All heavy atoms as atom14 arrays in JSON, in Angstrom:
{
  "sequence": "KILNEAVKVSGGDYLIFLDGDCIPRRDFVETHLRNSAKGFFLS",
  "atom14_mask": [
    [1, 1, 1, 1, 1, 1, 1, 1, 1, 0, 0, 0, 0, 0],
    [1, 1, 1, 1, 1, 1, 1, 1, 0, 0, 0, 0, 0, 0],
    [1, 1, 1, 1, 1, 1, 1, 1, 0, 0, 0, 0, 0, 0],
    [1, 1, 1, 1, 1, 1, 1, 1, 0, 0, 0, 0, 0, 0],
    [1, 1, 1, 1, 1, 1, 1, 1, 1, 0, 0, 0, 0, 0],
    [1, 1, 1, 1, 1, 0, 0, 0, 0, 0, 0, 0, 0, 0],
    [1, 1, 1, 1, 1, 1, 1, 0, 0, 0, 0, 0, 0, 0],
    [1, 1, 1, 1, 1, 1, 1, 1, 1, 0, 0, 0, 0, 0],
    [1, 1, 1, 1, 1, 1, 1, 0, 0, 0, 0, 0, 0, 0],
    [1, 1, 1, 1, 1, 1, 0, 0, 0, 0, 0, 0, 0, 0],
    [1, 1, 1, 1, 0, 0, 0, 0, 0, 0, 0, 0, 0, 0],
    [1, 1, 1, 1, 0, 0, 0, 0, 0, 0, 0, 0, 0, 0],
    [1, 1, 1, 1, 1, 1, 1, 1, 0, 0, 0, 0, 0, 0],
    [1, 1, 1, 1, 1, 1, 1, 1, 1, 1, 1, 1, 0, 0],
    [1, 1, 1, 1, 1, 1, 1, 1, 0, 0, 0, 0, 0, 0],
    [1, 1, 1, 1, 1, 1, 1, 1, 0, 0, 0, 0, 0, 0],
    [1, 1, 1, 1, 1, 1, 1, 1, 1, 1, 1, 0, 0, 0],
    [1, 1, 1, 1, 1, 1, 1, 1, 0, 0, 0, 0, 0, 0],
    [1, 1, 1, 1, 1, 1, 1, 1, 0, 0, 0, 0, 0, 0],
    [1, 1, 1, 1, 0, 0, 0, 0, 0, 0, 0, 0, 0, 0],
    [1, 1, 1, 1, 1, 1, 1, 1, 0, 0, 0, 0, 0, 0],
    [1, 1, 1, 1, 1, 1, 0, 0, 0, 0, 0, 0, 0, 0],
    [1, 1, 1, 1, 1, 1, 1, 1, 0, 0, 0, 0, 0, 0],
    [1, 1, 1, 1, 1, 1, 1, 0, 0, 0, 0, 0, 0, 0],
    [1, 1, 1, 1, 1, 1, 1, 1, 1, 1, 1, 0, 0, 0],
    [1, 1, 1, 1, 1, 1, 1, 1, 1, 1, 1, 0, 0, 0],
    [1, 1, 1, 1, 1, 1, 1, 1, 0, 0, 0, 0, 0, 0],
    [1, 1, 1, 1, 1, 1, 1, 1, 1, 1, 1, 0, 0, 0],
    [1, 1, 1, 1, 1, 1, 1, 0, 0, 0, 0, 0, 0, 0],
    [1, 1, 1, 1, 1, 1, 1, 1, 1, 0, 0, 0, 0, 0],
    [1, 1, 1, 1, 1, 1, 1, 0, 0, 0, 0, 0, 0, 0],
    [1, 1, 1, 1, 1, 1, 1, 1, 1, 1, 0, 0, 0, 0],
    [1, 1, 1, 1, 1, 1, 1, 1, 0, 0, 0, 0, 0, 0],
    [1, 1, 1, 1, 1, 1, 1, 1, 1, 1, 1, 0, 0, 0],
    [1, 1, 1, 1, 1, 1, 1, 1, 0, 0, 0, 0, 0, 0],
    [1, 1, 1, 1, 1, 1, 0, 0, 0, 0, 0, 0, 0, 0],
    [1, 1, 1, 1, 1, 0, 0, 0, 0, 0, 0, 0, 0, 0],
    [1, 1, 1, 1, 1, 1, 1, 1, 1, 0, 0, 0, 0, 0],
    [1, 1, 1, 1, 0, 0, 0, 0, 0, 0, 0, 0, 0, 0],
    [1, 1, 1, 1, 1, 1, 1, 1, 1, 1, 1, 0, 0, 0],
    [1, 1, 1, 1, 1, 1, 1, 1, 1, 1, 1, 0, 0, 0],
    [1, 1, 1, 1, 1, 1, 1, 1, 0, 0, 0, 0, 0, 0],
    [1, 1, 1, 1, 1, 1, 0, 0, 0, 0, 0, 0, 0, 0]
  ],
  "atom14_positions": [
    [[0.81, -1.2, 0.01], [-0.01, 0.01, -0.01], [0.85, 1.28, 0.01], [0.61, 2.18, -0.78], [-0.95, 0.01, 1.2], [-1.81, 1.26, 1.3], [-2.81, 1.19, 2.4], [-3.63, 2.51, 2.54], [-4.33, 2.83, 1.28], [0.0, 0.0, 0.0], [0.0, 0.0, 0.0], [0.0, 0.0, 0.0], [0.0, 0.0, 0.0], [0.0, 0.0, 0.0]],
    [[1.87, 1.32, 0.88], [2.7, 2.49, 0.93], [3.56, 2.67, -0.34], [3.87, 3.75, -0.75], [3.56, 2.54, 2.23], [4.03, 3.99, 2.51], [4.73, 1.59, 2.12], [2.92, 4.96, 2.79], [0.0, 0.0, 0.0], [0.0, 0.0, 0.0], [0.0, 0.0, 0.0], [0.0, 0.0, 0.0], [0.0, 0.0, 0.0], [0.0, 0.0, 0.0]],
    [[3.91, 1.54, -0.96], [4.61, 1.61, -2.23], [3.73, 2.26, -3.31], [4.2, 3.12, -4.08], [5.09, 0.24, -2.71], [6.31, -0.39, -2.04], [6.55, -1.75, -2.57], [7.53, 0.5, -2.19], [0.0, 0.0, 0.0], [0.0, 0.0, 0.0], [0.0, 0.0, 0.0], [0.0, 0.0, 0.0], [0.0, 0.0, 0.0], [0.0, 0.0, 0.0]],
    [[2.47, 1.86, -3.32], [1.56, 2.52, -4.3], [1.43, 4.01, -4.05], [1.41, 4.79, -5.01], [0.17, 1.82, -4.19], [0.12, 0.49, -4.92], [0.91, 0.18, -5.78], [-0.85, -0.36, -4.49], [0.0, 0.0, 0.0], [0.0, 0.0, 0.0], [0.0, 0.0, 0.0], [0.0, 0.0, 0.0], [0.0, 0.0, 0.0], [0.0, 0.0, 0.0]],
    [[1.37, 4.4, -2.79], [1.29, 5.83, -2.46], [2.58, 6.55, -2.9], [2.54, 7.68, -3.45], [1.08, 6.05, -0.99], [-0.26, 5.48, -0.51], [-1.45, 6.13, -1.22], [-1.45, 7.34, -1.41], [-2.37, 5.34, -1.58], [0.0, 0.0, 0.0], [0.0, 0.0, 0.0], [0.0, 0.0, 0.0], [0.0, 0.0, 0.0], [0.0, 0.0, 0.0]],
    [[3.74, 5.91, -2.71], [4.99, 6.5, -3.13], [5.1, 6.6, -4.64], [5.59, 7.61, -5.19], [6.14, 5.64, -2.59], [0.0, 0.0, 0.0], [0.0, 0.0, 0.0], [0.0, 0.0, 0.0], [0.0, 0.0, 0.0], [0.0, 0.0, 0.0], [0.0, 0.0, 0.0], [0.0, 0.0, 0.0], [0.0, 0.0, 0.0], [0.0, 0.0, 0.0]],
    [[4.63, 5.59, -5.35], [4.6, 5.67, -6.81], [3.76, 6.82, -7.29], [4.15, 7.54, -8.23], [4.09, 4.32, -7.4], [3.77, 4.46, -8.9], [5.07, 3.21, -7.17], [0.0, 0.0, 0.0], [0.0, 0.0, 0.0], [0.0, 0.0, 0.0], [0.0, 0.0, 0.0], [0.0, 0.0, 0.0], [0.0, 0.0, 0.0], [0.0, 0.0, 0.0]],
    [[2.6, 7.04, -6.64], [1.72, 8.13, -7.07], [2.36, 9.49, -6.96], [2.15, 10.35, -7.83], [0.42, 8.03, -6.27], [-0.54, 6.96, -6.7], [-1.92, 7.12, -6.16], [-2.0, 6.88, -4.68], [-3.45, 6.89, -4.21], [0.0, 0.0, 0.0], [0.0, 0.0, 0.0], [0.0, 0.0, 0.0], [0.0, 0.0, 0.0], [0.0, 0.0, 0.0]],
    [[3.13, 9.72, -5.9], [3.71, 11.04, -5.7], [5.06, 11.22, -6.38], [5.58, 12.3, -6.46], [3.85, 11.38, -4.19], [2.52, 11.22, -3.47], [4.93, 10.57, -3.53], [0.0, 0.0, 0.0], [0.0, 0.0, 0.0], [0.0, 0.0, 0.0], [0.0, 0.0, 0.0], [0.0, 0.0, 0.0], [0.0, 0.0, 0.0], [0.0, 0.0, 0.0]],
    [[5.62, 10.12, -6.87], [6.92, 10.2, -7.52], [6.84, 10.93, -8.82], [5.8, 10.93, -9.48], [7.5, 8.78, -7.76], [6.7, 8.1, -8.72], [0.0, 0.0, 0.0], [0.0, 0.0, 0.0], [0.0, 0.0, 0.0], [0.0, 0.0, 0.0], [0.0, 0.0, 0.0], [0.0, 0.0, 0.0], [0.0, 0.0, 0.0], [0.0, 0.0, 0.0]],
    [[7.94, 11.58, -9.21], [7.97, 12.35, -10.49], [8.75, 11.71, -11.55], [8.86, 12.27, -12.66], [0.0, 0.0, 0.0], [0.0, 0.0, 0.0], [0.0, 0.0, 0.0], [0.0, 0.0, 0.0], [0.0, 0.0, 0.0], [0.0, 0.0, 0.0], [0.0, 0.0, 0.0], [0.0, 0.0, 0.0], [0.0, 0.0, 0.0], [0.0, 0.0, 0.0]],
    [[9.26, 10.52, -11.33], [10.15, 9.85, -12.34], [9.43, 9.16, -13.42], [8.37, 8.56, -13.19], [0.0, 0.0, 0.0], [0.0, 0.0, 0.0], [0.0, 0.0, 0.0], [0.0, 0.0, 0.0], [0.0, 0.0, 0.0], [0.0, 0.0, 0.0], [0.0, 0.0, 0.0], [0.0, 0.0, 0.0], [0.0, 0.0, 0.0], [0.0, 0.0, 0.0]],
    [[10.01, 9.21, -14.61], [9.54, 8.33, -15.71], [10.07, 6.93, -15.49], [9.43, 5.95, -15.97], [10.09, 8.83, -17.04], [9.72, 10.29, -17.31], [8.51, 10.61, -17.28], [10.63, 11.11, -17.52], [0.0, 0.0, 0.0], [0.0, 0.0, 0.0], [0.0, 0.0, 0.0], [0.0, 0.0, 0.0], [0.0, 0.0, 0.0], [0.0, 0.0, 0.0]],
    [[11.2, 6.85, -14.78], [11.82, 5.54, -14.48], [11.93, 5.42, -12.94], [12.38, 6.34, -12.27], [13.19, 5.42, -15.11], [13.7, 4.01, -15.18], [13.22, 3.08, -16.1], [14.65, 3.57, -14.24], [13.69, 1.79, -16.16], [15.12, 2.26, -14.29], [14.61, 1.38, -15.24], [15.08, 0.08, -15.26], [0.0, 0.0, 0.0], [0.0, 0.0, 0.0]],
    [[11.49, 4.28, -12.38], [11.45, 4.09, -10.93], [12.37, 2.98, -10.5], [12.26, 1.84, -11.01], [10.03, 3.82, -10.46], [8.95, 4.81, -10.9], [7.58, 4.43, -10.31], [9.31, 6.22, -10.56], [0.0, 0.0, 0.0], [0.0, 0.0, 0.0], [0.0, 0.0, 0.0], [0.0, 0.0, 0.0], [0.0, 0.0, 0.0], [0.0, 0.0, 0.0]],
    [[13.27, 3.29, -9.58], [14.19, 2.31, -8.98], [13.71, 2.02, -7.57], [13.48, 2.98, -6.78], [15.6, 2.81, -8.98], [16.08, 3.18, -10.42], [16.54, 1.83, -8.37], [17.42, 3.93, -10.43], [0.0, 0.0, 0.0], [0.0, 0.0, 0.0], [0.0, 0.0, 0.0], [0.0, 0.0, 0.0], [0.0, 0.0, 0.0], [0.0, 0.0, 0.0]],
    [[13.57, 0.76, -7.21], [13.1, 0.38, -5.9], [14.25, -0.17, -5.06], [15.01, -1.06, -5.5], [11.98, -0.67, -6.0], [10.73, -0.11, -6.6], [10.6, 0.1, -7.94], [9.65, 0.29, -5.76], [9.44, 0.63, -8.5], [8.49, 0.83, -6.3], [8.38, 0.99, -7.68], [0.0, 0.0, 0.0], [0.0, 0.0, 0.0], [0.0, 0.0, 0.0]],
    [[14.37, 0.33, -3.83], [15.44, -0.02, -2.9], [14.89, -0.13, -1.5], [14.11, 0.73, -1.11], [16.53, 1.08, -2.96], [17.75, 0.97, -2.05], [18.61, -0.21, -2.51], [18.54, 2.25, -2.09], [0.0, 0.0, 0.0], [0.0, 0.0, 0.0], [0.0, 0.0, 0.0], [0.0, 0.0, 0.0], [0.0, 0.0, 0.0], [0.0, 0.0, 0.0]],
    [[15.27, -1.15, -0.77], [14.84, -1.27, 0.61], [15.68, -0.39, 1.53], [16.85, -0.16, 1.25], [14.92, -2.71, 1.05], [13.72, -3.51, 0.66], [12.7, -2.91, 0.23], [13.76, -4.76, 0.73], [0.0, 0.0, 0.0], [0.0, 0.0, 0.0], [0.0, 0.0, 0.0], [0.0, 0.0, 0.0], [0.0, 0.0, 0.0], [0.0, 0.0, 0.0]],
    [[15.05, 0.05, 2.63], [15.73, 0.97, 3.54], [16.73, 0.29, 4.45], [17.22, 0.9, 5.43], [0.0, 0.0, 0.0], [0.0, 0.0, 0.0], [0.0, 0.0, 0.0], [0.0, 0.0, 0.0], [0.0, 0.0, 0.0], [0.0, 0.0, 0.0], [0.0, 0.0, 0.0], [0.0, 0.0, 0.0], [0.0, 0.0, 0.0], [0.0, 0.0, 0.0]],
    [[17.13, -0.95, 4.13], [18.19, -1.63, 4.86], [19.31, -2.07, 3.87], [20.13, -2.96, 4.19], [17.68, -2.83, 5.63], [16.84, -3.77, 4.77], [16.95, -3.69, 3.51], [16.08, -4.62, 5.33], [0.0, 0.0, 0.0], [0.0, 0.0, 0.0], [0.0, 0.0, 0.0], [0.0, 0.0, 0.0], [0.0, 0.0, 0.0], [0.0, 0.0, 0.0]],
    [[19.32, -1.48, 2.67], [20.32, -1.9, 1.64], [21.1, -0.64, 1.16], [20.57, 0.27, 0.54], [19.57, -2.46, 0.45], [18.79, -4.04, 0.78], [0.0, 0.0, 0.0], [0.0, 0.0, 0.0], [0.0, 0.0, 0.0], [0.0, 0.0, 0.0], [0.0, 0.0, 0.0], [0.0, 0.0, 0.0], [0.0, 0.0, 0.0], [0.0, 0.0, 0.0]],
    [[22.36, -0.62, 1.56], [23.24, 0.5, 1.17], [23.72, 0.32, -0.26], [24.39, -0.69, -0.56], [24.49, 0.57, 2.11], [24.07, 0.62, 3.6], [25.36, 1.79, 1.76], [25.22, 0.55, 4.57], [0.0, 0.0, 0.0], [0.0, 0.0, 0.0], [0.0, 0.0, 0.0], [0.0, 0.0, 0.0], [0.0, 0.0, 0.0], [0.0, 0.0, 0.0]],
    [[23.43, 1.28, -1.12], [23.85, 1.13, -2.54], [25.27, 1.58, -2.77], [25.73, 2.53, -2.19], [22.87, 2.05, -3.26], [22.56, 3.17, -2.29], [22.59, 2.5, -0.9], [0.0, 0.0, 0.0], [0.0, 0.0, 0.0], [0.0, 0.0, 0.0], [0.0, 0.0, 0.0], [0.0, 0.0, 0.0], [0.0, 0.0, 0.0], [0.0, 0.0, 0.0]],
    [[25.97, 0.82, -3.65], [27.3, 1.27, -4.08], [27.14, 2.54, -4.92], [26.06, 2.82, -5.44], [27.98, 0.16, -4.88], [29.47, 0.32, -5.03], [30.13, -0.98, -5.62], [29.67, -1.23, -6.98], [30.0, -2.32, -7.68], [30.73, -3.27, -7.07], [29.6, -2.5, -8.88], [0.0, 0.0, 0.0], [0.0, 0.0, 0.0], [0.0, 0.0, 0.0]],
    [[28.22, 3.3, -5.1], [28.13, 4.59, -5.73], [27.63, 4.56, -7.17], [27.14, 5.54, -7.71], [29.5, 5.3, -5.68], [30.56, 4.68, -6.56], [31.91, 5.42, -6.43], [31.76, 6.85, -6.78], [31.85, 7.28, -8.05], [32.04, 6.43, -9.02], [31.7, 8.57, -8.28], [0.0, 0.0, 0.0], [0.0, 0.0, 0.0], [0.0, 0.0, 0.0]],
    [[27.76, 3.39, -7.85], [27.29, 3.28, -9.21], [25.91, 2.6, -9.33], [25.5, 2.19, -10.42], [28.31, 2.5, -10.07], [28.57, 1.07, -9.55], [28.15, 0.79, -8.39], [29.15, 0.27, -10.26], [0.0, 0.0, 0.0], [0.0, 0.0, 0.0], [0.0, 0.0, 0.0], [0.0, 0.0, 0.0], [0.0, 0.0, 0.0], [0.0, 0.0, 0.0]],
    [[25.19, 2.49, -8.21], [23.94, 1.79, -8.17], [22.9, 2.43, -9.16], [22.35, 1.76, -10.02], [23.37, 1.79, -6.76], [22.06, 1.18, -6.56], [21.92, -0.22, -6.47], [20.88, 1.88, -6.5], [20.73, -0.87, -6.33], [19.63, 1.32, -6.37], [19.57, -0.06, -6.23], [0.0, 0.0, 0.0], [0.0, 0.0, 0.0], [0.0, 0.0, 0.0]],
    [[22.63, 3.71, -8.98], [21.65, 4.38, -9.85], [22.15, 4.38, -11.28], [21.4, 4.11, -12.25], [21.4, 5.82, -9.36], [20.52, 6.59, -10.37], [20.72, 5.83, -7.99], [0.0, 0.0, 0.0], [0.0, 0.0, 0.0], [0.0, 0.0, 0.0], [0.0, 0.0, 0.0], [0.0, 0.0, 0.0], [0.0, 0.0, 0.0], [0.0, 0.0, 0.0]],
    [[23.41, 4.66, -11.49], [24.0, 4.7, -12.84], [23.8, 3.34, -13.52], [23.47, 3.24, -14.72], [25.46, 5.06, -12.77], [26.15, 5.09, -14.11], [27.62, 5.43, -14.03], [28.07, 5.87, -12.94], [28.33, 5.23, -15.03], [0.0, 0.0, 0.0], [0.0, 0.0, 0.0], [0.0, 0.0, 0.0], [0.0, 0.0, 0.0], [0.0, 0.0, 0.0]],
    [[24.03, 2.25, -12.78], [23.88, 0.89, -13.37], [22.46, 0.63, -13.8], [22.23, 0.07, -14.89], [24.38, -0.16, -12.35], [25.75, 0.06, -12.06], [24.17, -1.57, -12.89], [0.0, 0.0, 0.0], [0.0, 0.0, 0.0], [0.0, 0.0, 0.0], [0.0, 0.0, 0.0], [0.0, 0.0, 0.0], [0.0, 0.0, 0.0], [0.0, 0.0, 0.0]],
    [[21.5, 1.0, -12.94], [20.08, 0.81, -13.32], [19.75, 1.6, -14.58], [19.08, 1.08, -15.49], [19.18, 1.2, -12.16], [18.93, 0.12, -11.18], [17.92, -0.81, -11.32], [19.6, -0.24, -10.02], [17.94, -1.67, -10.33], [18.97, -1.33, -9.52], [0.0, 0.0, 0.0], [0.0, 0.0, 0.0], [0.0, 0.0, 0.0], [0.0, 0.0, 0.0]],
    [[20.19, 2.82, -14.67], [19.89, 3.66, -15.84], [20.58, 3.16, -17.07], [20.0, 3.18, -18.17], [20.26, 5.12, -15.53], [19.51, 5.79, -14.36], [19.81, 7.28, -14.31], [18.01, 5.54, -14.47], [0.0, 0.0, 0.0], [0.0, 0.0, 0.0], [0.0, 0.0, 0.0], [0.0, 0.0, 0.0], [0.0, 0.0, 0.0], [0.0, 0.0, 0.0]],
    [[21.83, 2.74, -16.93], [22.59, 2.29, -18.11], [21.94, 1.04, -18.72], [22.0, 0.81, -19.93], [24.01, 1.97, -17.71], [24.91, 1.6, -18.92], [26.27, 1.17, -18.56], [27.0, 2.12, -17.69], [27.34, 1.88, -16.45], [27.01, 0.74, -15.88], [27.97, 2.79, -15.77], [0.0, 0.0, 0.0], [0.0, 0.0, 0.0], [0.0, 0.0, 0.0]],
    [[21.34, 0.23, -17.88], [20.76, -1.02, -18.34], [19.27, -0.95, -18.65], [18.66, -1.91, -19.1], [21.0, -2.15, -17.32], [22.41, -2.6, -17.28], [22.83, -3.46, -18.07], [23.2, -2.03, -16.34], [0.0, 0.0, 0.0], [0.0, 0.0, 0.0], [0.0, 0.0, 0.0], [0.0, 0.0, 0.0], [0.0, 0.0, 0.0], [0.0, 0.0, 0.0]],
    [[18.68, 0.23, -18.39], [17.23, 0.35, -18.61], [16.92, 0.31, -20.1], [17.67, 0.75, -20.95], [16.76, 1.74, -18.05], [17.37, 2.79, -18.75], [0.0, 0.0, 0.0], [0.0, 0.0, 0.0], [0.0, 0.0, 0.0], [0.0, 0.0, 0.0], [0.0, 0.0, 0.0], [0.0, 0.0, 0.0], [0.0, 0.0, 0.0], [0.0, 0.0, 0.0]],
    [[15.79, -0.35, -20.41], [15.34, -0.46, -21.81], [13.85, -0.71, -21.82], [13.32, -1.35, -20.91], [16.09, -1.61, -22.5], [0.0, 0.0, 0.0], [0.0, 0.0, 0.0], [0.0, 0.0, 0.0], [0.0, 0.0, 0.0], [0.0, 0.0, 0.0], [0.0, 0.0, 0.0], [0.0, 0.0, 0.0], [0.0, 0.0, 0.0], [0.0, 0.0, 0.0]],
    [[13.22, -0.21, -22.83], [11.75, -0.44, -22.97], [11.49, -1.93, -23.14], [12.23, -2.64, -23.82], [11.21, 0.34, -24.17], [11.16, 1.82, -24.0], [10.16, 2.24, -22.95], [9.99, 3.75, -22.87], [8.97, 4.17, -21.88], [0.0, 0.0, 0.0], [0.0, 0.0, 0.0], [0.0, 0.0, 0.0], [0.0, 0.0, 0.0], [0.0, 0.0, 0.0]],
    [[10.41, -2.37, -22.48], [10.07, -3.78, -22.54], [10.73, -4.65, -21.5], [10.5, -5.89, -21.49], [0.0, 0.0, 0.0], [0.0, 0.0, 0.0], [0.0, 0.0, 0.0], [0.0, 0.0, 0.0], [0.0, 0.0, 0.0], [0.0, 0.0, 0.0], [0.0, 0.0, 0.0], [0.0, 0.0, 0.0], [0.0, 0.0, 0.0], [0.0, 0.0, 0.0]],
    [[11.48, -4.01, -20.54], [12.23, -4.76, -19.56], [12.05, -4.21, -18.15], [11.75, -3.01, -18.0], [13.72, -4.78, -19.84], [14.13, -5.62, -21.04], [14.1, -5.08, -22.29], [14.44, -6.95, -20.88], [14.48, -5.84, -23.4], [14.83, -7.71, -21.95], [14.86, -7.15, -23.22], [0.0, 0.0, 0.0], [0.0, 0.0, 0.0], [0.0, 0.0, 0.0]],
    [[12.23, -5.06, -17.15], [12.46, -4.6, -15.78], [13.83, -5.21, -15.4], [14.27, -6.18, -15.99], [11.37, -5.04, -14.84], [11.31, -6.52, -14.51], [12.1, -7.05, -13.48], [10.42, -7.36, -15.16], [12.04, -8.42, -13.15], [10.37, -8.71, -14.85], [11.16, -9.25, -13.86], [0.0, 0.0, 0.0], [0.0, 0.0, 0.0], [0.0, 0.0, 0.0]],
    [[14.5, -4.51, -14.45], [15.8, -4.97, -14.02], [15.73, -5.66, -12.67], [15.02, -5.21, -11.78], [16.76, -3.78, -13.96], [16.94, -2.99, -15.26], [17.91, -1.87, -15.05], [17.4, -3.89, -16.4], [0.0, 0.0, 0.0], [0.0, 0.0, 0.0], [0.0, 0.0, 0.0], [0.0, 0.0, 0.0], [0.0, 0.0, 0.0], [0.0, 0.0, 0.0]],
    [[16.49, -6.74, -12.55], [16.46, -7.56, -11.33], [17.83, -7.58, -10.68], [18.77, -8.17, -11.19], [16.06, -8.99, -11.75], [16.16, -9.89, -10.62], [0.0, 0.0, 0.0], [0.0, 0.0, 0.0], [0.0, 0.0, 0.0], [0.0, 0.0, 0.0], [0.0, 0.0, 0.0], [0.0, 0.0, 0.0], [0.0, 0.0, 0.0], [0.0, 0.0, 0.0]]
  ]
}
């Protein structure tokens, strides 16, 4: 439910999901964006 509320207020065309107990490496966002493509989700 709270994820749906967060999605609604988000302004991104592309959404990256991260848990609040997972520290991302400095290239985390860059890696998601570099691999993004229409017709796919990233795992």
